[in-house]
Amino acid sequence: EKVIEQSKNYGHSFERELCFLAIHGFLHLLGYDHMTP
């Protein structure tokens, strides 16, 4: 539902949002984070 909602809110495709979130999650698995700027 967030993929669908955010793709509409950000004005890009369902595919782009799904892929973005998957890569975001994948990078977290590798130790990347975004706690600081």
Full PDB file with SEQRES, HELIX, SHEET, SSBOND, CRYST1, ORIGX, SCALE, CONECT and MASTER records, all heavy atoms in Angstrom:
SEQRES   1 A   37  GLU LYS VAL ILE GLU GLN SER LYS ASN TYR GLY HIS SER          
SEQRES   2 A   37  PHE GLU ARG GLU LEU CYS PHE LEU ALA ILE HIS GLY PHE          
SEQRES   3 A   37  LEU HIS LEU LEU GLY TYR ASP HIS MET THR PRO                  
HELIX    1 AA1 LYS A    2  TYR A   10  1                                   9    
HELIX    2 AA2 PHE A   14  LEU A   29  1                                  16    
CRYST1    1.000    1.000    1.000  90.00  90.00  90.00 P 1           1          
ORIGX1      1.000000  0.000000  0.000000        0.00000                         
ORIGX2      0.000000  1.000000  0.000000        0.00000                         
ORIGX3      0.000000  0.000000  1.000000        0.00000                         
SCALE1      1.000000  0.000000  0.000000        0.00000                         
SCALE2      0.000000  1.000000  0.000000        0.00000                         
SCALE3      0.000000  0.000000  1.000000        0.00000                         
ATOM      1  N   GLU A   1       0.823  -1.211   0.000  1.00  0.00           N  
ATOM      2  CA  GLU A   1       0.000   0.000   0.000  1.00  0.00           C  
ATOM      3  C   GLU A   1       0.856   1.261   0.000  1.00  0.00           C  
ATOM      4  O   GLU A   1       0.522   2.248  -0.661  1.00  0.00           O  
ATOM      5  CB  GLU A   1      -0.961   0.018   1.196  1.00  0.00           C  
ATOM      6  CG  GLU A   1      -2.112  -0.932   1.041  1.00  0.00           C  
ATOM      7  CD  GLU A   1      -2.082  -2.068   2.048  1.00  0.00           C  
ATOM      8  OE1 GLU A   1      -0.981  -2.473   2.493  1.00  0.00           O  
ATOM      9  OE2 GLU A   1      -3.158  -2.559   2.380  1.00  0.00           O  
ATOM     10  N   LYS A   2       1.967   1.222   0.716  1.00  0.00           N  
ATOM     11  CA  LYS A   2       2.876   2.374   0.725  1.00  0.00           C  
ATOM     12  C   LYS A   2       3.538   2.557  -0.638  1.00  0.00           C  
ATOM     13  O   LYS A   2       3.756   3.687  -1.074  1.00  0.00           O  
ATOM     14  CB  LYS A   2       3.936   2.230   1.824  1.00  0.00           C  
ATOM     15  CG  LYS A   2       3.387   2.378   3.220  1.00  0.00           C  
ATOM     16  CD  LYS A   2       2.918   3.785   3.481  1.00  0.00           C  
ATOM     17  CE  LYS A   2       2.473   3.960   4.911  1.00  0.00           C  
ATOM     18  NZ  LYS A   2       1.986   5.321   5.175  1.00  0.00           N  
ATOM     19  N   VAL A   3       3.846   1.463  -1.324  1.00  0.00           N  
ATOM     20  CA  VAL A   3       4.416   1.570  -2.670  1.00  0.00           C  
ATOM     21  C   VAL A   3       3.437   2.299  -3.577  1.00  0.00           C  
ATOM     22  O   VAL A   3       3.804   3.242  -4.290  1.00  0.00           O  
ATOM     23  CB  VAL A   3       4.769   0.182  -3.260  1.00  0.00           C  
ATOM     24  CG1 VAL A   3       5.180   0.304  -4.722  1.00  0.00           C  
ATOM     25  CG2 VAL A   3       5.855  -0.492  -2.451  1.00  0.00           C  
ATOM     26  N   ILE A   4       2.178   1.887  -3.534  1.00  0.00           N  
ATOM     27  CA  ILE A   4       1.143   2.504  -4.374  1.00  0.00           C  
ATOM     28  C   ILE A   4       0.952   3.970  -4.003  1.00  0.00           C  
ATOM     29  O   ILE A   4       0.969   4.852  -4.866  1.00  0.00           O  
ATOM     30  CB  ILE A   4      -0.178   1.720  -4.251  1.00  0.00           C  
ATOM     31  CG1 ILE A   4      -0.002   0.308  -4.838  1.00  0.00           C  
ATOM     32  CG2 ILE A   4      -1.326   2.466  -4.920  1.00  0.00           C  
ATOM     33  CD1 ILE A   4      -1.109  -0.674  -4.484  1.00  0.00           C  
ATOM     34  N   GLU A   5       0.792   4.233  -2.713  1.00  0.00           N  
ATOM     35  CA  GLU A   5       0.558   5.598  -2.222  1.00  0.00           C  
ATOM     36  C   GLU A   5       1.730   6.532  -2.547  1.00  0.00           C  
ATOM     37  O   GLU A   5       1.538   7.640  -3.058  1.00  0.00           O  
ATOM     38  CB  GLU A   5       0.340   5.534  -0.702  1.00  0.00           C  
ATOM     39  CG  GLU A   5       0.227   6.864   0.002  1.00  0.00           C  
ATOM     40  CD  GLU A   5       0.228   6.690   1.520  1.00  0.00           C  
ATOM     41  OE1 GLU A   5      -0.317   5.681   2.034  1.00  0.00           O  
ATOM     42  OE2 GLU A   5       0.796   7.575   2.199  1.00  0.00           O  
ATOM     43  N   GLN A   6       2.945   6.093  -2.258  1.00  0.00           N  
ATOM     44  CA  GLN A   6       4.110   6.955  -2.449  1.00  0.00           C  
ATOM     45  C   GLN A   6       4.435   7.156  -3.921  1.00  0.00           C  
ATOM     46  O   GLN A   6       4.906   8.230  -4.301  1.00  0.00           O  
ATOM     47  CB  GLN A   6       5.312   6.396  -1.673  1.00  0.00           C  
ATOM     48  CG  GLN A   6       5.113   6.534  -0.173  1.00  0.00           C  
ATOM     49  CD  GLN A   6       6.181   5.915   0.694  1.00  0.00           C  
ATOM     50  OE1 GLN A   6       6.065   5.961   1.904  1.00  0.00           O  
ATOM     51  NE2 GLN A   6       7.211   5.332   0.134  1.00  0.00           N  
ATOM     52  N   SER A   7       4.172   6.165  -4.760  1.00  0.00           N  
ATOM     53  CA  SER A   7       4.428   6.368  -6.192  1.00  0.00           C  
ATOM     54  C   SER A   7       3.525   7.471  -6.729  1.00  0.00           C  
ATOM     55  O   SER A   7       3.958   8.291  -7.541  1.00  0.00           O  
ATOM     56  CB  SER A   7       4.239   5.070  -6.976  1.00  0.00           C  
ATOM     57  OG  SER A   7       2.897   4.645  -6.967  1.00  0.00           O  
ATOM     58  N   LYS A   8       2.292   7.517  -6.251  1.00  0.00           N  
ATOM     59  CA  LYS A   8       1.370   8.593  -6.660  1.00  0.00           C  
ATOM     60  C   LYS A   8       1.810   9.935  -6.071  1.00  0.00           C  
ATOM     61  O   LYS A   8       1.856  10.941  -6.771  1.00  0.00           O  
ATOM     62  CB  LYS A   8      -0.049   8.265  -6.220  1.00  0.00           C  
ATOM     63  CG  LYS A   8      -0.649   7.112  -6.991  1.00  0.00           C  
ATOM     64  CD  LYS A   8      -2.026   6.748  -6.466  1.00  0.00           C  
ATOM     65  CE  LYS A   8      -2.542   5.509  -7.176  1.00  0.00           C  
ATOM     66  NZ  LYS A   8      -3.772   5.013  -6.576  1.00  0.00           N  
ATOM     67  N   ASN A   9       2.152   9.937  -4.784  1.00  0.00           N  
ATOM     68  CA  ASN A   9       2.555  11.180  -4.117  1.00  0.00           C  
ATOM     69  C   ASN A   9       3.820  11.784  -4.708  1.00  0.00           C  
ATOM     70  O   ASN A   9       3.955  13.002  -4.780  1.00  0.00           O  
ATOM     71  CB  ASN A   9       2.761  10.953  -2.626  1.00  0.00           C  
ATOM     72  CG  ASN A   9       1.458  10.710  -1.884  1.00  0.00           C  
ATOM     73  OD1 ASN A   9       0.378  10.966  -2.402  1.00  0.00           O  
ATOM     74  ND2 ASN A   9       1.554  10.194  -0.681  1.00  0.00           N  
ATOM     75  N   TYR A  10       4.773  10.934  -5.100  1.00  0.00           N  
ATOM     76  CA  TYR A  10       6.047  11.414  -5.637  1.00  0.00           C  
ATOM     77  C   TYR A  10       6.035  11.560  -7.152  1.00  0.00           C  
ATOM     78  O   TYR A  10       7.021  12.000  -7.742  1.00  0.00           O  
ATOM     79  CB  TYR A  10       7.201  10.489  -5.213  1.00  0.00           C  
ATOM     80  CG  TYR A  10       7.401  10.422  -3.707  1.00  0.00           C  
ATOM     81  CD1 TYR A  10       7.636   9.213  -3.076  1.00  0.00           C  
ATOM     82  CD2 TYR A  10       7.351  11.574  -2.912  1.00  0.00           C  
ATOM     83  CE1 TYR A  10       7.826   9.138  -1.700  1.00  0.00           C  
ATOM     84  CE2 TYR A  10       7.532  11.502  -1.550  1.00  0.00           C  
ATOM     85  CZ  TYR A  10       7.764  10.294  -0.946  1.00  0.00           C  
ATOM     86  OH  TYR A  10       7.950  10.237   0.418  1.00  0.00           O  
ATOM     87  N   GLY A  11       4.932  11.147  -7.791  1.00  0.00           N  
ATOM     88  CA  GLY A  11       4.791  11.337  -9.227  1.00  0.00           C  
ATOM     89  C   GLY A  11       5.682  10.440 -10.068  1.00  0.00           C  
ATOM     90  O   GLY A  11       6.153  10.852 -11.128  1.00  0.00           O  
ATOM     91  N   HIS A  12       5.943   9.235  -9.601  1.00  0.00           N  
ATOM     92  CA  HIS A  12       6.683   8.290 -10.425  1.00  0.00           C  
ATOM     93  C   HIS A  12       5.979   6.939 -10.423  1.00  0.00           C  
ATOM     94  O   HIS A  12       4.962   6.757  -9.769  1.00  0.00           O  
ATOM     95  CB  HIS A  12       8.168   8.193 -10.043  1.00  0.00           C  
ATOM     96  CG  HIS A  12       8.434   7.898  -8.614  1.00  0.00           C  
ATOM     97  ND1 HIS A  12       9.064   8.774  -7.778  1.00  0.00           N  
ATOM     98  CD2 HIS A  12       8.165   6.814  -7.854  1.00  0.00           C  
ATOM     99  CE1 HIS A  12       9.180   8.252  -6.580  1.00  0.00           C  
ATOM    100  NE2 HIS A  12       8.643   7.064  -6.598  1.00  0.00           N  
ATOM    101  N   SER A  13       6.517   6.001 -11.155  1.00  0.00           N  
ATOM    102  CA  SER A  13       5.844   4.721 -11.365  1.00  0.00           C  
ATOM    103  C   SER A  13       5.876   3.834 -10.115  1.00  0.00           C  
ATOM    104  O   SER A  13       6.730   3.989  -9.239  1.00  0.00           O  
ATOM    105  CB  SER A  13       6.497   3.981 -12.527  1.00  0.00           C  
ATOM    106  OG  SER A  13       7.797   3.537 -12.155  1.00  0.00           O  
ATOM    107  N   PHE A  14       4.947   2.892 -10.110  1.00  0.00           N  
ATOM    108  CA  PHE A  14       4.909   1.847  -9.088  1.00  0.00           C  
ATOM    109  C   PHE A  14       6.247   1.101  -9.081  1.00  0.00           C  
ATOM    110  O   PHE A  14       6.819   0.842  -8.025  1.00  0.00           O  
ATOM    111  CB  PHE A  14       3.749   0.889  -9.401  1.00  0.00           C  
ATOM    112  CG  PHE A  14       3.707  -0.325  -8.533  1.00  0.00           C  
ATOM    113  CD1 PHE A  14       2.995  -0.318  -7.346  1.00  0.00           C  
ATOM    114  CD2 PHE A  14       4.364  -1.497  -8.905  1.00  0.00           C  
ATOM    115  CE1 PHE A  14       2.954  -1.450  -6.534  1.00  0.00           C  
ATOM    116  CE2 PHE A  14       4.336  -2.631  -8.102  1.00  0.00           C  
ATOM    117  CZ  PHE A  14       3.630  -2.600  -6.914  1.00  0.00           C  
ATOM    118  N   GLU A  15       6.746   0.776 -10.276  1.00  0.00           N  
ATOM    119  CA  GLU A  15       8.008   0.056 -10.397  1.00  0.00           C  
ATOM    120  C   GLU A  15       9.157   0.820  -9.743  1.00  0.00           C  
ATOM    121  O   GLU A  15       9.958   0.248  -9.016  1.00  0.00           O  
ATOM    122  CB  GLU A  15       8.331  -0.197 -11.866  1.00  0.00           C  
ATOM    123  CG  GLU A  15       9.664  -0.896 -12.075  1.00  0.00           C  
ATOM    124  CD  GLU A  15       9.984  -1.102 -13.551  1.00  0.00           C  
ATOM    125  OE1 GLU A  15      10.339  -0.107 -14.219  1.00  0.00           O  
ATOM    126  OE2 GLU A  15       9.866  -2.243 -14.019  1.00  0.00           O  
ATOM    127  N   ARG A  16       9.230   2.110 -10.001  1.00  0.00           N  
ATOM    128  CA  ARG A  16      10.312   2.928  -9.436  1.00  0.00           C  
ATOM    129  C   ARG A  16      10.250   2.940  -7.919  1.00  0.00           C  
ATOM    130  O   ARG A  16      11.264   2.788  -7.238  1.00  0.00           O  
ATOM    131  CB  ARG A  16      10.227   4.343 -10.003  1.00  0.00           C  
ATOM    132  CG  ARG A  16      11.551   5.107  -9.977  1.00  0.00           C  
ATOM    133  CD  ARG A  16      11.825   5.807  -8.726  1.00  0.00           C  
ATOM    134  NE  ARG A  16      13.071   6.566  -8.816  1.00  0.00           N  
ATOM    135  CZ  ARG A  16      13.766   6.889  -7.751  1.00  0.00           C  
ATOM    136  NH1 ARG A  16      13.396   6.512  -6.567  1.00  0.00           N  
ATOM    137  NH2 ARG A  16      14.863   7.581  -7.856  1.00  0.00           N  
ATOM    138  N   GLU A  17       9.058   3.093  -7.363  1.00  0.00           N  
ATOM    139  CA  GLU A  17       8.917   3.136  -5.906  1.00  0.00           C  
ATOM    140  C   GLU A  17       9.248   1.777  -5.287  1.00  0.00           C  
ATOM    141  O   GLU A  17       9.953   1.711  -4.281  1.00  0.00           O  
ATOM    142  CB  GLU A  17       7.511   3.582  -5.506  1.00  0.00           C  
ATOM    143  CG  GLU A  17       7.331   3.797  -4.015  1.00  0.00           C  
ATOM    144  CD  GLU A  17       8.173   4.924  -3.431  1.00  0.00           C  
ATOM    145  OE1 GLU A  17       8.651   5.812  -4.174  1.00  0.00           O  
ATOM    146  OE2 GLU A  17       8.354   4.928  -2.196  1.00  0.00           O  
ATOM    147  N   LEU A  18       8.761   0.705  -5.876  1.00  0.00           N  
ATOM    148  CA  LEU A  18       9.066  -0.631  -5.378  1.00  0.00           C  
ATOM    149  C   LEU A  18      10.569  -0.879  -5.399  1.00  0.00           C  
ATOM    150  O   LEU A  18      11.153  -1.352  -4.415  1.00  0.00           O  
ATOM    151  CB  LEU A  18       8.338  -1.687  -6.227  1.00  0.00           C  
ATOM    152  CG  LEU A  18       8.596  -3.144  -5.859  1.00  0.00           C  
ATOM    153  CD1 LEU A  18       8.090  -3.450  -4.458  1.00  0.00           C  
ATOM    154  CD2 LEU A  18       7.956  -4.062  -6.896  1.00  0.00           C  
ATOM    155  N   CYS A  19      11.201  -0.526  -6.502  1.00  0.00           N  
ATOM    156  CA  CYS A  19      12.648  -0.723  -6.633  1.00  0.00           C  
ATOM    157  C   CYS A  19      13.425   0.157  -5.665  1.00  0.00           C  
ATOM    158  O   CYS A  19      14.396  -0.290  -5.048  1.00  0.00           O  
ATOM    159  CB  CYS A  19      13.084  -0.467  -8.078  1.00  0.00           C  
ATOM    160  SG  CYS A  19      12.510  -1.744  -9.222  1.00  0.00           S  
ATOM    161  N   PHE A  20      13.002   1.400  -5.495  1.00  0.00           N  
ATOM    162  CA  PHE A  20      13.648   2.311  -4.556  1.00  0.00           C  
ATOM    163  C   PHE A  20      13.616   1.736  -3.139  1.00  0.00           C  
ATOM    164  O   PHE A  20      14.637   1.695  -2.444  1.00  0.00           O  
ATOM    165  CB  PHE A  20      12.975   3.689  -4.583  1.00  0.00           C  
ATOM    166  CG  PHE A  20      13.503   4.628  -3.549  1.00  0.00           C  
ATOM    167  CD1 PHE A  20      14.636   5.393  -3.795  1.00  0.00           C  
ATOM    168  CD2 PHE A  20      12.887   4.748  -2.313  1.00  0.00           C  
ATOM    169  CE1 PHE A  20      15.138   6.258  -2.831  1.00  0.00           C  
ATOM    170  CE2 PHE A  20      13.383   5.601  -1.342  1.00  0.00           C  
ATOM    171  CZ  PHE A  20      14.511   6.361  -1.604  1.00  0.00           C  
ATOM    172  N   LEU A  21      12.435   1.283  -2.712  1.00  0.00           N  
ATOM    173  CA  LEU A  21      12.308   0.760  -1.354  1.00  0.00           C  
ATOM    174  C   LEU A  21      13.122  -0.521  -1.165  1.00  0.00           C  
ATOM    175  O   LEU A  21      13.731  -0.725  -0.114  1.00  0.00           O  
ATOM    176  CB  LEU A  21      10.834   0.530  -1.008  1.00  0.00           C  
ATOM    177  CG  LEU A  21       9.992   1.803  -0.908  1.00  0.00           C  
ATOM    178  CD1 LEU A  21       8.528   1.454  -0.684  1.00  0.00           C  
ATOM    179  CD2 LEU A  21      10.508   2.742   0.172  1.00  0.00           C  
ATOM    180  N   ALA A  22      13.161  -1.365  -2.183  1.00  0.00           N  
ATOM    181  CA  ALA A  22      13.956  -2.594  -2.090  1.00  0.00           C  
ATOM    182  C   ALA A  22      15.446  -2.273  -1.967  1.00  0.00           C  
ATOM    183  O   ALA A  22      16.152  -2.882  -1.158  1.00  0.00           O  
ATOM    184  CB  ALA A  22      13.688  -3.490  -3.296  1.00  0.00           C  
ATOM    185  N   ILE A  23      15.922  -1.337  -2.765  1.00  0.00           N  
ATOM    186  CA  ILE A  23      17.343  -0.957  -2.688  1.00  0.00           C  
ATOM    187  C   ILE A  23      17.634  -0.279  -1.351  1.00  0.00           C  
ATOM    188  O   ILE A  23      18.674  -0.526  -0.735  1.00  0.00           O  
ATOM    189  CB  ILE A  23      17.745  -0.057  -3.880  1.00  0.00           C  
ATOM    190  CG1 ILE A  23      17.677  -0.854  -5.182  1.00  0.00           C  
ATOM    191  CG2 ILE A  23      19.125   0.557  -3.673  1.00  0.00           C  
ATOM    192  CD1 ILE A  23      18.561  -2.106  -5.214  1.00  0.00           C  
ATOM    193  N   HIS A  24      16.717   0.552  -0.890  1.00  0.00           N  
ATOM    194  CA  HIS A  24      16.878   1.188   0.419  1.00  0.00           C  
ATOM    195  C   HIS A  24      17.051   0.108   1.496  1.00  0.00           C  
ATOM    196  O   HIS A  24      17.989   0.155   2.303  1.00  0.00           O  
ATOM    197  CB  HIS A  24      15.657   2.067   0.717  1.00  0.00           C  
ATOM    198  CG  HIS A  24      15.779   2.852   1.974  1.00  0.00           C  
ATOM    199  ND1 HIS A  24      16.396   4.080   2.012  1.00  0.00           N  
ATOM    200  CD2 HIS A  24      15.368   2.579   3.234  1.00  0.00           C  
ATOM    201  CE1 HIS A  24      16.348   4.540   3.257  1.00  0.00           C  
ATOM    202  NE2 HIS A  24      15.742   3.648   4.019  1.00  0.00           N  
ATOM    203  N   GLY A  25      16.166  -0.884   1.474  1.00  0.00           N  
ATOM    204  CA  GLY A  25      16.246  -1.971   2.435  1.00  0.00           C  
ATOM    205  C   GLY A  25      17.515  -2.788   2.280  1.00  0.00           C  
ATOM    206  O   GLY A  25      18.145  -3.170   3.269  1.00  0.00           O  
ATOM    207  N   PHE A  26      17.901  -3.057   1.040  1.00  0.00           N  
ATOM    208  CA  PHE A  26      19.122  -3.818   0.771  1.00  0.00           C  
ATOM    209  C   PHE A  26      20.346  -3.102   1.343  1.00  0.00           C  
ATOM    210  O   PHE A  26      21.199  -3.724   1.984  1.00  0.00           O  
ATOM    211  CB  PHE A  26      19.271  -4.027  -0.742  1.00  0.00           C  
ATOM    212  CG  PHE A  26      20.578  -4.628  -1.156  1.00  0.00           C  
ATOM    213  CD1 PHE A  26      20.904  -5.936  -0.827  1.00  0.00           C  
ATOM    214  CD2 PHE A  26      21.501  -3.886  -1.879  1.00  0.00           C  
ATOM    215  CE1 PHE A  26      22.127  -6.490  -1.202  1.00  0.00           C  
ATOM    216  CE2 PHE A  26      22.711  -4.431  -2.270  1.00  0.00           C  
ATOM    217  CZ  PHE A  26      23.027  -5.731  -1.922  1.00  0.00           C  
ATOM    218  N   LEU A  27      20.432  -1.801   1.136  1.00  0.00           N  
ATOM    219  CA  LEU A  27      21.573  -1.049   1.664  1.00  0.00           C  
ATOM    220  C   LEU A  27      21.597  -1.080   3.191  1.00  0.00           C  
ATOM    221  O   LEU A  27      22.667  -1.145   3.798  1.00  0.00           O  
ATOM    222  CB  LEU A  27      21.575   0.383   1.128  1.00  0.00           C  
ATOM    223  CG  LEU A  27      21.895   0.505  -0.368  1.00  0.00           C  
ATOM    224  CD1 LEU A  27      21.749   1.952  -0.830  1.00  0.00           C  
ATOM    225  CD2 LEU A  27      23.280  -0.032  -0.704  1.00  0.00           C  
ATOM    226  N   HIS A  28      20.413  -1.063   3.822  1.00  0.00           N  
ATOM    227  CA  HIS A  28      20.375  -1.226   5.284  1.00  0.00           C  
ATOM    228  C   HIS A  28      20.957  -2.586   5.693  1.00  0.00           C  
ATOM    229  O   HIS A  28      21.678  -2.674   6.690  1.00  0.00           O  
ATOM    230  CB  HIS A  28      18.947  -1.095   5.814  1.00  0.00           C  
ATOM    231  CG  HIS A  28      18.512   0.307   6.081  1.00  0.00           C  
ATOM    232  ND1 HIS A  28      19.201   1.169   6.905  1.00  0.00           N  
ATOM    233  CD2 HIS A  28      17.443   1.005   5.634  1.00  0.00           C  
ATOM    234  CE1 HIS A  28      18.580   2.333   6.961  1.00  0.00           C  
ATOM    235  NE2 HIS A  28      17.506   2.257   6.190  1.00  0.00           N  
ATOM    236  N   LEU A  29      20.640  -3.633   4.932  1.00  0.00           N  
ATOM    237  CA  LEU A  29      21.194  -4.950   5.250  1.00  0.00           C  
ATOM    238  C   LEU A  29      22.710  -4.941   5.214  1.00  0.00           C  
ATOM    239  O   LEU A  29      23.358  -5.700   5.933  1.00  0.00           O  
ATOM    240  CB  LEU A  29      20.675  -6.017   4.280  1.00  0.00           C  
ATOM    241  CG  LEU A  29      19.195  -6.350   4.306  1.00  0.00           C  
ATOM    242  CD1 LEU A  29      18.901  -7.484   3.325  1.00  0.00           C  
ATOM    243  CD2 LEU A  29      18.710  -6.699   5.698  1.00  0.00           C  
ATOM    244  N   LEU A  30      23.268  -4.075   4.362  1.00  0.00           N  
ATOM    245  CA  LEU A  30      24.732  -3.982   4.231  1.00  0.00           C  
ATOM    246  C   LEU A  30      25.365  -3.030   5.235  1.00  0.00           C  
ATOM    247  O   LEU A  30      26.578  -2.852   5.236  1.00  0.00           O  
ATOM    248  CB  LEU A  30      25.092  -3.549   2.808  1.00  0.00           C  
ATOM    249  CG  LEU A  30      24.671  -4.500   1.697  1.00  0.00           C  
ATOM    250  CD1 LEU A  30      25.123  -3.954   0.348  1.00  0.00           C  
ATOM    251  CD2 LEU A  30      25.212  -5.902   1.922  1.00  0.00           C  
ATOM    252  N   GLY A  31      24.541  -2.391   6.066  1.00  0.00           N  
ATOM    253  CA  GLY A  31      25.080  -1.516   7.104  1.00  0.00           C  
ATOM    254  C   GLY A  31      24.960  -0.032   6.836  1.00  0.00           C  
ATOM    255  O   GLY A  31      25.356   0.784   7.666  1.00  0.00           O  
ATOM    256  N   TYR A  32      24.443   0.346   5.680  1.00  0.00           N  
ATOM    257  CA  TYR A  32      24.212   1.771   5.423  1.00  0.00           C  
ATOM    258  C   TYR A  32      23.080   2.247   6.319  1.00  0.00           C  
ATOM    259  O   TYR A  32      22.176   1.492   6.664  1.00  0.00           O  
ATOM    260  CB  TYR A  32      23.805   2.007   3.961  1.00  0.00           C  
ATOM    261  CG  TYR A  32      24.904   1.811   2.948  1.00  0.00           C  
ATOM    262  CD1 TYR A  32      25.173   0.554   2.412  1.00  0.00           C  
ATOM    263  CD2 TYR A  32      25.667   2.892   2.508  1.00  0.00           C  
ATOM    264  CE1 TYR A  32      26.177   0.369   1.470  1.00  0.00           C  
ATOM    265  CE2 TYR A  32      26.669   2.721   1.559  1.00  0.00           C  
ATOM    266  CZ  TYR A  32      26.915   1.452   1.049  1.00  0.00           C  
ATOM    267  OH  TYR A  32      27.900   1.277   0.111  1.00  0.00           O  
ATOM    268  N   ASP A  33      23.135   3.531   6.673  1.00  0.00           N  
ATOM    269  CA  ASP A  33      22.091   4.105   7.515  1.00  0.00           C  
ATOM    270  C   ASP A  33      21.895   5.568   7.157  1.00  0.00           C  
ATOM    271  O   ASP A  33      22.635   6.115   6.332  1.00  0.00           O  
ATOM    272  CB  ASP A  33      22.450   3.958   8.995  1.00  0.00           C  
ATOM    273  CG  ASP A  33      21.220   3.750   9.864  1.00  0.00           C  
ATOM    274  OD1 ASP A  33      20.107   4.132   9.450  1.00  0.00           O  
ATOM    275  OD2 ASP A  33      21.364   3.208  10.967  1.00  0.00           O  
ATOM    276  N   HIS A  34      20.915   6.196   7.792  1.00  0.00           N  
ATOM    277  CA  HIS A  34      20.635   7.602   7.524  1.00  0.00           C  
ATOM    278  C   HIS A  34      20.264   8.338   8.811  1.00  0.00           C  
ATOM    279  O   HIS A  34      19.363   9.151   8.836  1.00  0.00           O  
ATOM    280  CB  HIS A  34      19.533   7.759   6.458  1.00  0.00           C  
ATOM    281  CG  HIS A  34      18.345   6.865   6.662  1.00  0.00           C  
ATOM    282  ND1 HIS A  34      17.338   7.152   7.535  1.00  0.00           N  
ATOM    283  CD2 HIS A  34      18.038   5.681   6.096  1.00  0.00           C  
ATOM    284  CE1 HIS A  34      16.433   6.193   7.497  1.00  0.00           C  
ATOM    285  NE2 HIS A  34      16.843   5.283   6.638  1.00  0.00           N  
ATOM    286  N   MET A  35      21.012   8.037   9.854  1.00  0.00           N  
ATOM    287  CA  MET A  35      20.761   8.667  11.152  1.00  0.00           C  
ATOM    288  C   MET A  35      21.342  10.078  11.233  1.00  0.00           C  
ATOM    289  O   MET A  35      20.869  10.894  12.010  1.00  0.00           O  
ATOM    290  CB  MET A  35      21.323   7.805  12.278  1.00  0.00           C  
ATOM    291  CG  MET A  35      20.702   6.412  12.353  1.00  0.00           C  
ATOM    292  SD  MET A  35      18.908   6.428  12.574  1.00  0.00           S  
ATOM    293  CE  MET A  35      18.818   6.900  14.289  1.00  0.00           C  
ATOM    294  N   THR A  36      22.358  10.369  10.438  1.00  0.00           N  
ATOM    295  CA  THR A  36      22.938  11.711  10.397  1.00  0.00           C  
ATOM    296  C   THR A  36      22.840  12.225   8.962  1.00  0.00           C  
ATOM    297  O   THR A  36      22.714  11.436   8.022  1.00  0.00           O  
ATOM    298  CB  THR A  36      24.424  11.687  10.809  1.00  0.00           C  
ATOM    299  OG1 THR A  36      25.180  10.990   9.810  1.00  0.00           O  
ATOM    300  CG2 THR A  36      24.627  11.046  12.176  1.00  0.00           C  
ATOM    301  N   PRO A  37      22.928  13.543   8.775  1.00  0.00           N  
ATOM    302  CA  PRO A  37      22.898  14.067   7.407  1.00  0.00           C  
ATOM    303  C   PRO A  37      24.006  13.489   6.521  1.00  0.00           C  
ATOM    304  O   PRO A  37      23.784  13.226   5.342  1.00  0.00           O  
ATOM    305  CB  PRO A  37      23.090  15.572   7.609  1.00  0.00           C  
ATOM    306  CG  PRO A  37      22.568  15.842   8.979  1.00  0.00           C  
ATOM    307  CD  PRO A  37      22.915  14.612   9.773  1.00  0.00           C  
TER     308      PRO A  37                                                      
MASTER        0    0    0    2    0    0    0    6  307    1    0    3          
END                                                                             
